[in-house]
Amino acid sequence: MFIPTRWNMRLRRFAQDEEGAQVIEYALIIAMTSITLALILRGLSGGTLTNFITRVSECLTDGACT
């Protein structure tokens, strides 16, 4: 059997399978959550994640939270 035809058959089976749809839905939820968290952390850190991590580290070690 020709390889692209085999891949097309597998792709069709995957698209028709409800478990495949659930996997895609969960992947989209995880992606949206990750993007949201990244944007929130970027806003809290003043633009860079390194600054945010430094501020959290100083807060935990010195108690100098700002």
C-alpha atoms as a PDB file:
ATOM      1  CA  MET A   1       0.000   0.000   0.000  1.00  0.00           C
ATOM      2  CA  PHE A   2       1.244   3.459  -0.855  1.00  0.00           C
ATOM      3  CA  ILE A   3       2.449   5.318   2.270  1.00  0.00           C
ATOM      4  CA  PRO A   4       0.402   8.557   1.858  1.00  0.00           C
ATOM      5  CA  THR A   5      -2.752   6.456   1.388  1.00  0.00           C
ATOM      6  CA  ARG A   6      -1.989   4.593   4.593  1.00  0.00           C
ATOM      7  CA  TRP A   7      -1.516   7.890   6.432  1.00  0.00           C
ATOM      8  CA  ASN A   8      -4.784   9.208   5.018  1.00  0.00           C
ATOM      9  CA  MET A   9      -6.587   6.110   6.300  1.00  0.00           C
ATOM     10  CA  ARG A  10      -5.036   6.502   9.746  1.00  0.00           C
ATOM     11  CA  LEU A  11      -5.920  10.193   9.829  1.00  0.00           C
ATOM     12  CA  ARG A  12      -9.538   9.471   8.884  1.00  0.00           C
ATOM     13  CA  ARG A  13      -9.801   6.764  11.550  1.00  0.00           C
ATOM     14  CA  PHE A  14      -8.307   9.125  14.122  1.00  0.00           C
ATOM     15  CA  ALA A  15     -10.739  11.904  13.161  1.00  0.00           C
ATOM     16  CA  GLN A  16     -13.723   9.562  13.459  1.00  0.00           C
ATOM     17  CA  ASP A  17     -12.620   8.175  16.814  1.00  0.00           C
ATOM     18  CA  GLU A  18     -14.187  10.011  19.769  1.00  0.00           C
ATOM     19  CA  GLU A  19     -11.152   9.378  21.950  1.00  0.00           C
ATOM     20  CA  GLY A  20      -9.062  11.249  19.394  1.00  0.00           C
ATOM     21  CA  ALA A  21     -11.424  14.202  19.678  1.00  0.00           C
ATOM     22  CA  GLN A  22     -11.075  14.169  23.462  1.00  0.00           C
ATOM     23  CA  VAL A  23      -7.299  14.193  23.202  1.00  0.00           C
ATOM     24  CA  ILE A  24      -7.455  17.211  20.898  1.00  0.00           C
ATOM     25  CA  GLU A  25      -9.870  19.000  23.247  1.00  0.00           C
ATOM     26  CA  TYR A  26      -7.596  18.412  26.237  1.00  0.00           C
ATOM     27  CA  ALA A  27      -4.575  19.590  24.245  1.00  0.00           C
ATOM     28  CA  LEU A  28      -6.396  22.811  23.332  1.00  0.00           C
ATOM     29  CA  ILE A  29      -7.412  23.394  26.961  1.00  0.00           C
ATOM     30  CA  ILE A  30      -3.829  22.861  28.124  1.00  0.00           C
ATOM     31  CA  ALA A  31      -2.504  25.193  25.409  1.00  0.00           C
ATOM     32  CA  MET A  32      -4.970  27.964  26.283  1.00  0.00           C
ATOM     33  CA  THR A  33      -4.221  27.599  30.002  1.00  0.00           C
ATOM     34  CA  SER A  34      -0.470  27.719  29.372  1.00  0.00           C
ATOM     35  CA  ILE A  35      -0.741  30.837  27.227  1.00  0.00           C
ATOM     36  CA  THR A  36      -2.940  32.529  29.830  1.00  0.00           C
ATOM     37  CA  LEU A  37      -0.514  31.701  32.646  1.00  0.00           C
ATOM     38  CA  ALA A  38       2.431  32.939  30.590  1.00  0.00           C
ATOM     39  CA  LEU A  39       0.672  36.245  29.922  1.00  0.00           C
ATOM     40  CA  ILE A  40      -0.283  36.643  33.584  1.00  0.00           C
ATOM     41  CA  LEU A  41       3.271  35.910  34.745  1.00  0.00           C
ATOM     42  CA  ARG A  42       4.637  38.327  32.170  1.00  0.00           C
ATOM     43  CA  GLY A  43       2.333  41.056  33.472  1.00  0.00           C
ATOM     44  CA  LEU A  44       3.245  40.368  37.094  1.00  0.00           C
ATOM     45  CA  SER A  45       6.949  40.337  36.393  1.00  0.00           C
ATOM     46  CA  GLY A  46       7.071  43.685  34.641  1.00  0.00           C
ATOM     47  CA  GLY A  47       7.894  42.151  31.294  1.00  0.00           C
ATOM     48  CA  THR A  48      10.530  39.537  32.014  1.00  0.00           C
ATOM     49  CA  LEU A  49      10.176  36.227  33.743  1.00  0.00           C
ATOM     50  CA  THR A  50      13.681  36.540  35.196  1.00  0.00           C
ATOM     51  CA  ASN A  51      12.690  39.649  37.163  1.00  0.00           C
ATOM     52  CA  PHE A  52       9.618  37.858  38.486  1.00  0.00           C
ATOM     53  CA  ILE A  53      11.615  34.823  39.617  1.00  0.00           C
ATOM     54  CA  THR A  54      14.178  37.093  41.286  1.00  0.00           C
ATOM     55  CA  ARG A  55      11.431  38.995  43.130  1.00  0.00           C
ATOM     56  CA  VAL A  56       9.824  35.774  44.354  1.00  0.00           C
ATOM     57  CA  SER A  57      13.194  34.390  45.436  1.00  0.00           C
ATOM     58  CA  GLU A  58      14.038  37.558  47.389  1.00  0.00           C
ATOM     59  CA  CYS A  59      10.604  37.558  48.980  1.00  0.00           C
ATOM     60  CA  LEU A  60      11.008  33.973  50.153  1.00  0.00           C
ATOM     61  CA  THR A  61      14.570  34.325  51.443  1.00  0.00           C
ATOM     62  CA  ASP A  62      14.675  37.880  52.841  1.00  0.00           C
ATOM     63  CA  GLY A  63      11.023  38.575  53.453  1.00  0.00           C
ATOM     64  CA  ALA A  64      11.434  41.764  51.419  1.00  0.00           C
ATOM     65  CA  CYS A  65       8.261  41.515  49.381  1.00  0.00           C
ATOM     66  CA  THR A  66       7.318  44.475  47.204  1.00  0.00           C
END
